[in-house]
PDB file of all heavy atoms in Angstrom:
ATOM      1  N   GLY A   1       0.805  -1.216   0.000  1.00  0.00           N
ATOM      2  CA  GLY A   1       0.000   0.000   0.000  1.00  0.00           C
ATOM      3  C   GLY A   1       0.840   1.268   0.000  1.00  0.00           C
ATOM      4  O   GLY A   1       1.408   1.643  -1.037  1.00  0.00           O
ATOM      5  N   PRO A   2       0.937   1.958   1.145  1.00  0.00           N
ATOM      6  CA  PRO A   2       1.641   3.246   1.180  1.00  0.00           C
ATOM      7  C   PRO A   2       3.052   3.224   0.596  1.00  0.00           C
ATOM      8  O   PRO A   2       3.469   4.193  -0.038  1.00  0.00           O
ATOM      9  CB  PRO A   2       1.671   3.571   2.683  1.00  0.00           C
ATOM     10  CG  PRO A   2       0.437   2.926   3.222  1.00  0.00           C
ATOM     11  CD  PRO A   2       0.300   1.653   2.443  1.00  0.00           C
ATOM     12  N   ASN A   3       3.787   2.154   0.784  1.00  0.00           N
ATOM     13  CA  ASN A   3       5.148   2.130   0.239  1.00  0.00           C
ATOM     14  C   ASN A   3       5.151   2.182  -1.284  1.00  0.00           C
ATOM     15  O   ASN A   3       6.139   2.604  -1.894  1.00  0.00           O
ATOM     16  CB  ASN A   3       5.905   0.889   0.709  1.00  0.00           C
ATOM     17  CG  ASN A   3       7.399   0.996   0.477  1.00  0.00           C
ATOM     18  OD1 ASN A   3       8.006   2.030   0.756  1.00  0.00           O
ATOM     19  ND2 ASN A   3       7.995  -0.049  -0.069  1.00  0.00           N
ATOM     20  N   CYS A   4       4.051   1.751  -1.899  1.00  0.00           N
ATOM     21  CA  CYS A   4       3.909   1.823  -3.350  1.00  0.00           C
ATOM     22  C   CYS A   4       3.009   2.982  -3.783  1.00  0.00           C
ATOM     23  O   CYS A   4       2.664   3.093  -4.970  1.00  0.00           O
ATOM     24  CB  CYS A   4       3.326   0.514  -3.887  1.00  0.00           C
ATOM     25  SG  CYS A   4       4.403  -0.920  -3.654  1.00  0.00           S
ATOM     26  N   GLY A   5       2.606   3.821  -2.828  1.00  0.00           N
ATOM     27  CA  GLY A   5       1.699   4.925  -3.150  1.00  0.00           C
ATOM     28  C   GLY A   5       0.292   4.463  -3.452  1.00  0.00           C
ATOM     29  O   GLY A   5      -0.464   5.142  -4.150  1.00  0.00           O
ATOM     30  N   ILE A   6      -0.091   3.302  -2.914  1.00  0.00           N
ATOM     31  CA  ILE A   6      -1.424   2.730  -3.128  1.00  0.00           C
ATOM     32  C   ILE A   6      -2.213   2.839  -1.828  1.00  0.00           C
ATOM     33  O   ILE A   6      -1.761   2.369  -0.781  1.00  0.00           O
ATOM     34  CB  ILE A   6      -1.325   1.262  -3.588  1.00  0.00           C
ATOM     35  CG1 ILE A   6      -0.635   1.186  -4.952  1.00  0.00           C
ATOM     36  CG2 ILE A   6      -2.710   0.610  -3.636  1.00  0.00           C
ATOM     37  CD1 ILE A   6      -0.283  -0.225  -5.402  1.00  0.00           C
ATOM     38  N   PHE A   7      -3.383   3.452  -1.889  1.00  0.00           N
ATOM     39  CA  PHE A   7      -4.176   3.692  -0.686  1.00  0.00           C
ATOM     40  C   PHE A   7      -5.609   3.181  -0.857  1.00  0.00           C
ATOM     41  O   PHE A   7      -6.563   3.782  -0.379  1.00  0.00           O
ATOM     42  CB  PHE A   7      -4.173   5.196  -0.349  1.00  0.00           C
ATOM     43  CG  PHE A   7      -2.795   5.739  -0.096  1.00  0.00           C
ATOM     44  CD1 PHE A   7      -2.063   6.322  -1.116  1.00  0.00           C
ATOM     45  CD2 PHE A   7      -2.218   5.618   1.163  1.00  0.00           C
ATOM     46  CE1 PHE A   7      -0.769   6.796  -0.886  1.00  0.00           C
ATOM     47  CE2 PHE A   7      -0.931   6.096   1.403  1.00  0.00           C
ATOM     48  CZ  PHE A   7      -0.207   6.679   0.369  1.00  0.00           C
ATOM     49  N   ASP A   8      -5.739   2.061  -1.511  1.00  0.00           N
ATOM     50  CA  ASP A   8      -7.030   1.424  -1.770  1.00  0.00           C
ATOM     51  C   ASP A   8      -6.959   0.009  -1.191  1.00  0.00           C
ATOM     52  O   ASP A   8      -6.199  -0.835  -1.681  1.00  0.00           O
ATOM     53  CB  ASP A   8      -7.295   1.393  -3.276  1.00  0.00           C
ATOM     54  CG  ASP A   8      -8.657   0.811  -3.640  1.00  0.00           C
ATOM     55  OD1 ASP A   8      -9.143  -0.085  -2.918  1.00  0.00           O
ATOM     56  OD2 ASP A   8      -9.232   1.240  -4.655  1.00  0.00           O
ATOM     57  N   LEU A   9      -7.747  -0.260  -0.154  1.00  0.00           N
ATOM     58  CA  LEU A   9      -7.696  -1.569   0.501  1.00  0.00           C
ATOM     59  C   LEU A   9      -8.073  -2.715  -0.431  1.00  0.00           C
ATOM     60  O   LEU A   9      -7.567  -3.832  -0.278  1.00  0.00           O
ATOM     61  CB  LEU A   9      -8.594  -1.575   1.738  1.00  0.00           C
ATOM     62  CG  LEU A   9      -7.985  -1.014   3.023  1.00  0.00           C
ATOM     63  CD1 LEU A   9      -9.045  -0.895   4.115  1.00  0.00           C
ATOM     64  CD2 LEU A   9      -6.824  -1.889   3.505  1.00  0.00           C
ATOM     65  N   ASP A  10      -8.950  -2.457  -1.393  1.00  0.00           N
ATOM     66  CA  ASP A  10      -9.316  -3.535  -2.312  1.00  0.00           C
ATOM     67  C   ASP A  10      -8.151  -3.909  -3.216  1.00  0.00           C
ATOM     68  O   ASP A  10      -7.921  -5.098  -3.484  1.00  0.00           O
ATOM     69  CB  ASP A  10     -10.536  -3.129  -3.150  1.00  0.00           C
ATOM     70  CG  ASP A  10     -11.825  -3.290  -2.371  1.00  0.00           C
ATOM     71  OD1 ASP A  10     -12.076  -4.400  -1.865  1.00  0.00           O
ATOM     72  OD2 ASP A  10     -12.563  -2.308  -2.229  1.00  0.00           O
ATOM     73  N   VAL A  11      -7.396  -2.924  -3.663  1.00  0.00           N
ATOM     74  CA  VAL A  11      -6.217  -3.217  -4.477  1.00  0.00           C
ATOM     75  C   VAL A  11      -5.169  -3.937  -3.624  1.00  0.00           C
ATOM     76  O   VAL A  11      -4.567  -4.932  -4.045  1.00  0.00           O
ATOM     77  CB  VAL A  11      -5.632  -1.935  -5.090  1.00  0.00           C
ATOM     78  CG1 VAL A  11      -4.315  -2.238  -5.806  1.00  0.00           C
ATOM     79  CG2 VAL A  11      -6.629  -1.301  -6.054  1.00  0.00           C
ATOM     80  N   VAL A  12      -4.958  -3.427  -2.417  1.00  0.00           N
ATOM     81  CA  VAL A  12      -4.004  -4.065  -1.499  1.00  0.00           C
ATOM     82  C   VAL A  12      -4.411  -5.517  -1.240  1.00  0.00           C
ATOM     83  O   VAL A  12      -3.578  -6.428  -1.241  1.00  0.00           O
ATOM     84  CB  VAL A  12      -3.901  -3.289  -0.180  1.00  0.00           C
ATOM     85  CG1 VAL A  12      -3.104  -4.070   0.856  1.00  0.00           C
ATOM     86  CG2 VAL A  12      -3.256  -1.922  -0.410  1.00  0.00           C
ATOM     87  N   GLY A  13      -5.715  -5.729  -1.036  1.00  0.00           N
ATOM     88  CA  GLY A  13      -6.206  -7.080  -0.788  1.00  0.00           C
ATOM     89  C   GLY A  13      -5.947  -8.015  -1.948  1.00  0.00           C
ATOM     90  O   GLY A  13      -5.576  -9.184  -1.751  1.00  0.00           O
ATOM     91  N   GLU A  14      -6.115  -7.533  -3.176  1.00  0.00           N
ATOM     92  CA  GLU A  14      -5.869  -8.379  -4.340  1.00  0.00           C
ATOM     93  C   GLU A  14      -4.380  -8.625  -4.556  1.00  0.00           C
ATOM     94  O   GLU A  14      -3.974  -9.713  -4.992  1.00  0.00           O
ATOM     95  CB  GLU A  14      -6.511  -7.758  -5.585  1.00  0.00           C
ATOM     96  CG  GLU A  14      -8.032  -7.830  -5.574  1.00  0.00           C
ATOM     97  CD  GLU A  14      -8.548  -9.229  -5.267  1.00  0.00           C
ATOM     98  OE1 GLU A  14      -8.292 -10.151  -6.075  1.00  0.00           O
ATOM     99  OE2 GLU A  14      -9.186  -9.423  -4.214  1.00  0.00           O
ATOM    100  N   LEU A  15      -3.548  -7.635  -4.267  1.00  0.00           N
ATOM    101  CA  LEU A  15      -2.106  -7.860  -4.320  1.00  0.00           C
ATOM    102  C   LEU A  15      -1.691  -8.909  -3.293  1.00  0.00           C
ATOM    103  O   LEU A  15      -0.868  -9.793  -3.574  1.00  0.00           O
ATOM    104  CB  LEU A  15      -1.360  -6.545  -4.071  1.00  0.00           C
ATOM    105  CG  LEU A  15      -1.396  -5.517  -5.207  1.00  0.00           C
ATOM    106  CD1 LEU A  15      -0.892  -4.164  -4.708  1.00  0.00           C
ATOM    107  CD2 LEU A  15      -0.552  -5.987  -6.394  1.00  0.00           C
ATOM    108  N   ASN A  16      -2.272  -8.822  -2.095  1.00  0.00           N
ATOM    109  CA  ASN A  16      -1.992  -9.805  -1.044  1.00  0.00           C
ATOM    110  C   ASN A  16      -2.450 -11.191  -1.476  1.00  0.00           C
ATOM    111  O   ASN A  16      -1.753 -12.199  -1.265  1.00  0.00           O
ATOM    112  CB  ASN A  16      -2.690  -9.387   0.248  1.00  0.00           C
ATOM    113  CG  ASN A  16      -2.065  -9.956   1.497  1.00  0.00           C
ATOM    114  OD1 ASN A  16      -1.977  -9.293   2.527  1.00  0.00           O
ATOM    115  ND2 ASN A  16      -1.623 -11.199   1.441  1.00  0.00           N
ATOM    116  N   ARG A  17      -3.612 -11.257  -2.124  1.00  0.00           N
ATOM    117  CA  ARG A  17      -4.126 -12.544  -2.611  1.00  0.00           C
ATOM    118  C   ARG A  17      -3.142 -13.180  -3.605  1.00  0.00           C
ATOM    119  O   ARG A  17      -2.843 -14.370  -3.533  1.00  0.00           O
ATOM    120  CB  ARG A  17      -5.484 -12.357  -3.282  1.00  0.00           C
ATOM    121  CG  ARG A  17      -6.107 -13.672  -3.782  1.00  0.00           C
ATOM    122  CD  ARG A  17      -7.252 -13.429  -4.751  1.00  0.00           C
ATOM    123  NE  ARG A  17      -8.249 -12.556  -4.192  1.00  0.00           N
ATOM    124  CZ  ARG A  17      -9.193 -12.932  -3.316  1.00  0.00           C
ATOM    125  NH1 ARG A  17      -9.236 -14.196  -2.919  1.00  0.00           N
ATOM    126  NH2 ARG A  17     -10.079 -12.073  -2.866  1.00  0.00           N
ATOM    127  N   LYS A  18      -2.629 -12.366  -4.517  1.00  0.00           N
ATOM    128  CA  LYS A  18      -1.696 -12.906  -5.509  1.00  0.00           C
ATOM    129  C   LYS A  18      -0.414 -13.405  -4.836  1.00  0.00           C
ATOM    130  O   LYS A  18       0.133 -14.444  -5.226  1.00  0.00           O
ATOM    131  CB  LYS A  18      -1.393 -11.862  -6.579  1.00  0.00           C
ATOM    132  CG  LYS A  18      -2.531 -11.637  -7.560  1.00  0.00           C
ATOM    133  CD  LYS A  18      -2.100 -10.829  -8.747  1.00  0.00           C
ATOM    134  CE  LYS A  18      -3.280 -10.550  -9.680  1.00  0.00           C
ATOM    135  NZ  LYS A  18      -3.801 -11.794 -10.291  1.00  0.00           N
ATOM    136  N   CYS A  19       0.067 -12.660  -3.845  1.00  0.00           N
ATOM    137  CA  CYS A  19       1.255 -13.127  -3.115  1.00  0.00           C
ATOM    138  C   CYS A  19       0.989 -14.473  -2.453  1.00  0.00           C
ATOM    139  O   CYS A  19       1.812 -15.398  -2.537  1.00  0.00           O
ATOM    140  CB  CYS A  19       1.676 -12.097  -2.067  1.00  0.00           C
ATOM    141  SG  CYS A  19       2.430 -10.598  -2.728  1.00  0.00           S
ATOM    142  N   ASN A  20      -0.151 -14.591  -1.776  1.00  0.00           N
ATOM    143  CA  ASN A  20      -0.509 -15.855  -1.122  1.00  0.00           C
ATOM    144  C   ASN A  20      -0.625 -16.993  -2.133  1.00  0.00           C
ATOM    145  O   ASN A  20      -0.217 -18.130  -1.864  1.00  0.00           O
ATOM    146  CB  ASN A  20      -1.835 -15.720  -0.386  1.00  0.00           C
ATOM    147  CG  ASN A  20      -1.755 -14.851   0.850  1.00  0.00           C
ATOM    148  OD1 ASN A  20      -0.668 -14.473   1.290  1.00  0.00           O
ATOM    149  ND2 ASN A  20      -2.907 -14.520   1.417  1.00  0.00           N
ATOM    150  N   ASP A  21      -1.188 -16.694  -3.277  1.00  0.00           N
ATOM    151  CA  ASP A  21      -1.448 -17.725  -4.274  1.00  0.00           C
ATOM    152  C   ASP A  21      -0.167 -18.170  -4.970  1.00  0.00           C
ATOM    153  O   ASP A  21       0.028 -19.359  -5.250  1.00  0.00           O
ATOM    154  CB  ASP A  21      -2.439 -17.194  -5.311  1.00  0.00           C
ATOM    155  CG  ASP A  21      -3.124 -18.304  -6.082  1.00  0.00           C
ATOM    156  OD1 ASP A  21      -3.480 -19.328  -5.468  1.00  0.00           O
ATOM    157  OD2 ASP A  21      -3.316 -18.147  -7.302  1.00  0.00           O
ATOM    158  N   LEU A  22       0.731 -17.211  -5.234  1.00  0.00           N
ATOM    159  CA  LEU A  22       1.983 -17.511  -5.924  1.00  0.00           C
ATOM    160  C   LEU A  22       3.067 -18.007  -4.985  1.00  0.00           C
ATOM    161  O   LEU A  22       4.059 -18.593  -5.419  1.00  0.00           O
ATOM    162  CB  LEU A  22       2.481 -16.264  -6.659  1.00  0.00           C
ATOM    163  CG  LEU A  22       1.614 -15.781  -7.820  1.00  0.00           C
ATOM    164  CD1 LEU A  22       1.987 -14.356  -8.201  1.00  0.00           C
ATOM    165  CD2 LEU A  22       1.752 -16.714  -9.015  1.00  0.00           C
ATOM    166  N   GLY A  23       2.881 -17.746  -3.669  1.00  0.00           N
ATOM    167  CA  GLY A  23       3.870 -18.158  -2.684  1.00  0.00           C
ATOM    168  C   GLY A  23       4.987 -17.157  -2.512  1.00  0.00           C
ATOM    169  O   GLY A  23       6.170 -17.529  -2.462  1.00  0.00           O
ATOM    170  N   MET A  24       4.632 -15.865  -2.363  1.00  0.00           N
ATOM    171  CA  MET A  24       5.627 -14.796  -2.285  1.00  0.00           C
ATOM    172  C   MET A  24       5.503 -14.027  -0.975  1.00  0.00           C
ATOM    173  O   MET A  24       4.400 -13.807  -0.465  1.00  0.00           O
ATOM    174  CB  MET A  24       5.468 -13.840  -3.464  1.00  0.00           C
ATOM    175  CG  MET A  24       5.675 -14.517  -4.808  1.00  0.00           C
ATOM    176  SD  MET A  24       5.269 -13.459  -6.228  1.00  0.00           S
ATOM    177  CE  MET A  24       6.592 -12.248  -6.134  1.00  0.00           C
ATOM    178  N   ASP A  25       6.651 -13.588  -0.455  1.00  0.00           N
ATOM    179  CA  ASP A  25       6.706 -12.777   0.756  1.00  0.00           C
ATOM    180  C   ASP A  25       6.137 -11.398   0.455  1.00  0.00           C
ATOM    181  O   ASP A  25       6.625 -10.690  -0.430  1.00  0.00           O
ATOM    182  CB  ASP A  25       8.161 -12.675   1.220  1.00  0.00           C
ATOM    183  CG  ASP A  25       8.363 -11.717   2.378  1.00  0.00           C
ATOM    184  OD1 ASP A  25       7.415 -11.502   3.145  1.00  0.00           O
ATOM    185  OD2 ASP A  25       9.490 -11.192   2.513  1.00  0.00           O
ATOM    186  N   THR A  26       5.126 -10.982   1.193  1.00  0.00           N
ATOM    187  CA  THR A  26       4.482  -9.694   0.915  1.00  0.00           C
ATOM    188  C   THR A  26       5.407  -8.507   1.187  1.00  0.00           C
ATOM    189  O   THR A  26       5.349  -7.500   0.478  1.00  0.00           O
ATOM    190  CB  THR A  26       3.199  -9.532   1.745  1.00  0.00           C
ATOM    191  OG1 THR A  26       3.507  -9.744   3.136  1.00  0.00           O
ATOM    192  CG2 THR A  26       2.117 -10.502   1.307  1.00  0.00           C
ATOM    193  N   ILE A  27       6.257  -8.605   2.212  1.00  0.00           N
ATOM    194  CA  ILE A  27       7.155  -7.482   2.516  1.00  0.00           C
ATOM    195  C   ILE A  27       8.153  -7.289   1.373  1.00  0.00           C
ATOM    196  O   ILE A  27       8.323  -6.177   0.850  1.00  0.00           O
ATOM    197  CB  ILE A  27       7.891  -7.705   3.848  1.00  0.00           C
ATOM    198  CG1 ILE A  27       6.906  -7.755   5.020  1.00  0.00           C
ATOM    199  CG2 ILE A  27       8.907  -6.584   4.080  1.00  0.00           C
ATOM    200  CD1 ILE A  27       7.560  -8.067   6.356  1.00  0.00           C
ATOM    201  N   GLU A  28       8.827  -8.356   0.985  1.00  0.00           N
ATOM    202  CA  GLU A  28       9.815  -8.254  -0.095  1.00  0.00           C
ATOM    203  C   GLU A  28       9.139  -7.868  -1.405  1.00  0.00           C
ATOM    204  O   GLU A  28       9.689  -7.083  -2.194  1.00  0.00           O
ATOM    205  CB  GLU A  28      10.558  -9.580  -0.248  1.00  0.00           C
ATOM    206  CG  GLU A  28      11.818  -9.502  -1.078  1.00  0.00           C
ATOM    207  CD  GLU A  28      12.955  -8.770  -0.364  1.00  0.00           C
ATOM    208  OE1 GLU A  28      13.137  -8.979   0.846  1.00  0.00           O
ATOM    209  OE2 GLU A  28      13.655  -7.985  -1.050  1.00  0.00           O
ATOM    210  N   THR A  29       7.940  -8.398  -1.647  1.00  0.00           N
ATOM    211  CA  THR A  29       7.225  -8.072  -2.876  1.00  0.00           C
ATOM    212  C   THR A  29       6.879  -6.593  -2.929  1.00  0.00           C
ATOM    213  O   THR A  29       7.108  -5.924  -3.955  1.00  0.00           O
ATOM    214  CB  THR A  29       5.946  -8.916  -2.999  1.00  0.00           C
ATOM    215  OG1 THR A  29       6.297 -10.301  -3.050  1.00  0.00           O
ATOM    216  CG2 THR A  29       5.174  -8.552  -4.259  1.00  0.00           C
ATOM    217  N   GLY A  30       6.333  -6.058  -1.837  1.00  0.00           N
ATOM    218  CA  GLY A  30       5.972  -4.642  -1.815  1.00  0.00           C
ATOM    219  C   GLY A  30       7.183  -3.750  -1.996  1.00  0.00           C
ATOM    220  O   GLY A  30       7.156  -2.753  -2.738  1.00  0.00           O
ATOM    221  N   ALA A  31       8.278  -4.110  -1.316  1.00  0.00           N
ATOM    222  CA  ALA A  31       9.507  -3.327  -1.449  1.00  0.00           C
ATOM    223  C   ALA A  31      10.033  -3.392  -2.876  1.00  0.00           C
ATOM    224  O   ALA A  31      10.529  -2.395  -3.417  1.00  0.00           O
ATOM    225  CB  ALA A  31      10.557  -3.842  -0.475  1.00  0.00           C
ATOM    226  N   THR A  32       9.922  -4.553  -3.508  1.00  0.00           N
ATOM    227  CA  THR A  32      10.423  -4.722  -4.871  1.00  0.00           C
ATOM    228  C   THR A  32       9.579  -3.930  -5.864  1.00  0.00           C
ATOM    229  O   THR A  32      10.119  -3.290  -6.778  1.00  0.00           O
ATOM    230  CB  THR A  32      10.431  -6.214  -5.251  1.00  0.00           C
ATOM    231  OG1 THR A  32      11.163  -6.948  -4.265  1.00  0.00           O
ATOM    232  CG2 THR A  32      11.069  -6.433  -6.606  1.00  0.00           C
ATOM    233  N   ILE A  33       8.261  -3.967  -5.690  1.00  0.00           N
ATOM    234  CA  ILE A  33       7.389  -3.173  -6.563  1.00  0.00           C
ATOM    235  C   ILE A  33       7.710  -1.691  -6.411  1.00  0.00           C
ATOM    236  O   ILE A  33       7.776  -0.943  -7.403  1.00  0.00           O
ATOM    237  CB  ILE A  33       5.906  -3.451  -6.256  1.00  0.00           C
ATOM    238  CG1 ILE A  33       5.541  -4.887  -6.655  1.00  0.00           C
ATOM    239  CG2 ILE A  33       5.004  -2.460  -6.981  1.00  0.00           C
ATOM    240  CD1 ILE A  33       4.147  -5.311  -6.222  1.00  0.00           C
ATOM    241  N   ALA A  34       7.927  -1.231  -5.176  1.00  0.00           N
ATOM    242  CA  ALA A  34       8.242   0.182  -4.947  1.00  0.00           C
ATOM    243  C   ALA A  34       9.560   0.573  -5.612  1.00  0.00           C
ATOM    244  O   ALA A  34       9.688   1.664  -6.187  1.00  0.00           O
ATOM    245  CB  ALA A  34       8.286   0.472  -3.454  1.00  0.00           C
ATOM    246  N   VAL A  35      10.558  -0.294  -5.534  1.00  0.00           N
ATOM    247  CA  VAL A  35      11.832  -0.033  -6.218  1.00  0.00           C
ATOM    248  C   VAL A  35      11.610   0.002  -7.733  1.00  0.00           C
ATOM    249  O   VAL A  35      12.176   0.848  -8.441  1.00  0.00           O
ATOM    250  CB  VAL A  35      12.883  -1.089  -5.830  1.00  0.00           C
ATOM    251  CG1 VAL A  35      14.100  -1.019  -6.748  1.00  0.00           C
ATOM    252  CG2 VAL A  35      13.313  -0.900  -4.377  1.00  0.00           C
ATOM    253  N   ALA A  36      10.786  -0.916  -8.241  1.00  0.00           N
ATOM    254  CA  ALA A  36      10.474  -0.927  -9.675  1.00  0.00           C
ATOM    255  C   ALA A  36       9.742   0.345 -10.079  1.00  0.00           C
ATOM    256  O   ALA A  36       9.944   0.863 -11.192  1.00  0.00           O
ATOM    257  CB  ALA A  36       9.635  -2.162 -10.011  1.00  0.00           C
ATOM    258  N   MET A  37       8.900   0.857  -9.191  1.00  0.00           N
ATOM    259  CA  MET A  37       8.221   2.128  -9.460  1.00  0.00           C
ATOM    260  C   MET A  37       9.231   3.272  -9.519  1.00  0.00           C
ATOM    261  O   MET A  37       9.155   4.141 -10.394  1.00  0.00           O
ATOM    262  CB  MET A  37       7.158   2.387  -8.403  1.00  0.00           C
ATOM    263  CG  MET A  37       5.939   1.490  -8.518  1.00  0.00           C
ATOM    264  SD  MET A  37       4.774   1.656  -7.133  1.00  0.00           S
ATOM    265  CE  MET A  37       3.332   0.830  -7.805  1.00  0.00           C
ATOM    266  N   GLU A  38      10.169   3.267  -8.598  1.00  0.00           N
ATOM    267  CA  GLU A  38      11.203   4.294  -8.632  1.00  0.00           C
ATOM    268  C   GLU A  38      12.056   4.167  -9.889  1.00  0.00           C
ATOM    269  O   GLU A  38      12.547   5.169 -10.423  1.00  0.00           O
ATOM    270  CB  GLU A  38      12.083   4.215  -7.382  1.00  0.00           C
ATOM    271  CG  GLU A  38      13.149   5.278  -7.341  1.00  0.00           C
ATOM    272  CD  GLU A  38      13.380   5.848  -5.950  1.00  0.00           C
ATOM    273  OE1 GLU A  38      12.436   5.890  -5.147  1.00  0.00           O
ATOM    274  OE2 GLU A  38      14.505   6.268  -5.685  1.00  0.00           O
ATOM    275  N   GLY A  39      12.235   2.952 -10.368  1.00  0.00           N
ATOM    276  CA  GLY A  39      12.980   2.721 -11.598  1.00  0.00           C
ATOM    277  C   GLY A  39      12.153   2.912 -12.853  1.00  0.00           C
ATOM    278  O   GLY A  39      12.613   2.584 -13.953  1.00  0.00           O
ATOM    279  N   GLU A  40      10.915   3.402 -12.690  1.00  0.00           N
ATOM    280  CA  GLU A  40      10.017   3.779 -13.785  1.00  0.00           C
ATOM    281  C   GLU A  40       9.565   2.586 -14.629  1.00  0.00           C
ATOM    282  O   GLU A  40       9.188   2.727 -15.783  1.00  0.00           O
ATOM    283  CB  GLU A  40      10.663   4.853 -14.674  1.00  0.00           C
ATOM    284  CG  GLU A  40      10.983   6.127 -13.908  1.00  0.00           C
ATOM    285  CD  GLU A  40      11.545   7.235 -14.795  1.00  0.00           C
ATOM    286  OE1 GLU A  40      11.854   6.947 -15.976  1.00  0.00           O
ATOM    287  OE2 GLU A  40      11.681   8.370 -14.311  1.00  0.00           O
ATOM    288  N   LEU A  41       9.587   1.395 -14.019  1.00  0.00           N
ATOM    289  CA  LEU A  41       8.982   0.247 -14.688  1.00  0.00           C
ATOM    290  C   LEU A  41       7.467   0.367 -14.666  1.00  0.00           C
ATOM    291  O   LEU A  41       6.772  -0.116 -15.563  1.00  0.00           O
ATOM    292  CB  LEU A  41       9.430  -1.046 -13.998  1.00  0.00           C
ATOM    293  CG  LEU A  41       9.104  -2.349 -14.698  1.00  0.00           C
ATOM    294  CD1 LEU A  41       9.894  -2.477 -16.001  1.00  0.00           C
ATOM    295  CD2 LEU A  41       9.405  -3.550 -13.808  1.00  0.00           C
ATOM    296  N   LEU A  42       6.941   1.006 -13.633  1.00  0.00           N
ATOM    297  CA  LEU A  42       5.543   1.370 -13.498  1.00  0.00           C
ATOM    298  C   LEU A  42       5.477   2.604 -12.600  1.00  0.00           C
ATOM    299  O   LEU A  42       6.486   3.006 -12.026  1.00  0.00           O
ATOM    300  CB  LEU A  42       4.692   0.225 -12.946  1.00  0.00           C
ATOM    301  CG  LEU A  42       4.973  -0.348 -11.562  1.00  0.00           C
ATOM    302  CD1 LEU A  42       3.799  -1.257 -11.149  1.00  0.00           C
ATOM    303  CD2 LEU A  42       6.241  -1.173 -11.494  1.00  0.00           C
ATOM    304  N   GLU A  43       4.320   3.204 -12.489  1.00  0.00           N
ATOM    305  CA  GLU A  43       4.196   4.459 -11.753  1.00  0.00           C
ATOM    306  C   GLU A  43       3.727   4.208 -10.325  1.00  0.00           C
ATOM    307  O   GLU A  43       2.935   3.297 -10.068  1.00  0.00           O
ATOM    308  CB  GLU A  43       3.207   5.397 -12.447  1.00  0.00           C
ATOM    309  CG  GLU A  43       3.664   5.881 -13.811  1.00  0.00           C
ATOM    310  CD  GLU A  43       2.668   6.855 -14.432  1.00  0.00           C
ATOM    311  OE1 GLU A  43       1.637   7.140 -13.784  1.00  0.00           O
ATOM    312  OE2 GLU A  43       2.934   7.326 -15.555  1.00  0.00           O
TER     313      GLU A  43
END
């Protein structure tokens, strides 16, 4: 959420669902998405 500039619980919930389903650590995933955002892979 906030670390990626996302403030919508439904979006956060679906991101969490994908992490659970794929078998990914939510902390590392969120940090990685935020770094990718800073690297302009997405906004």
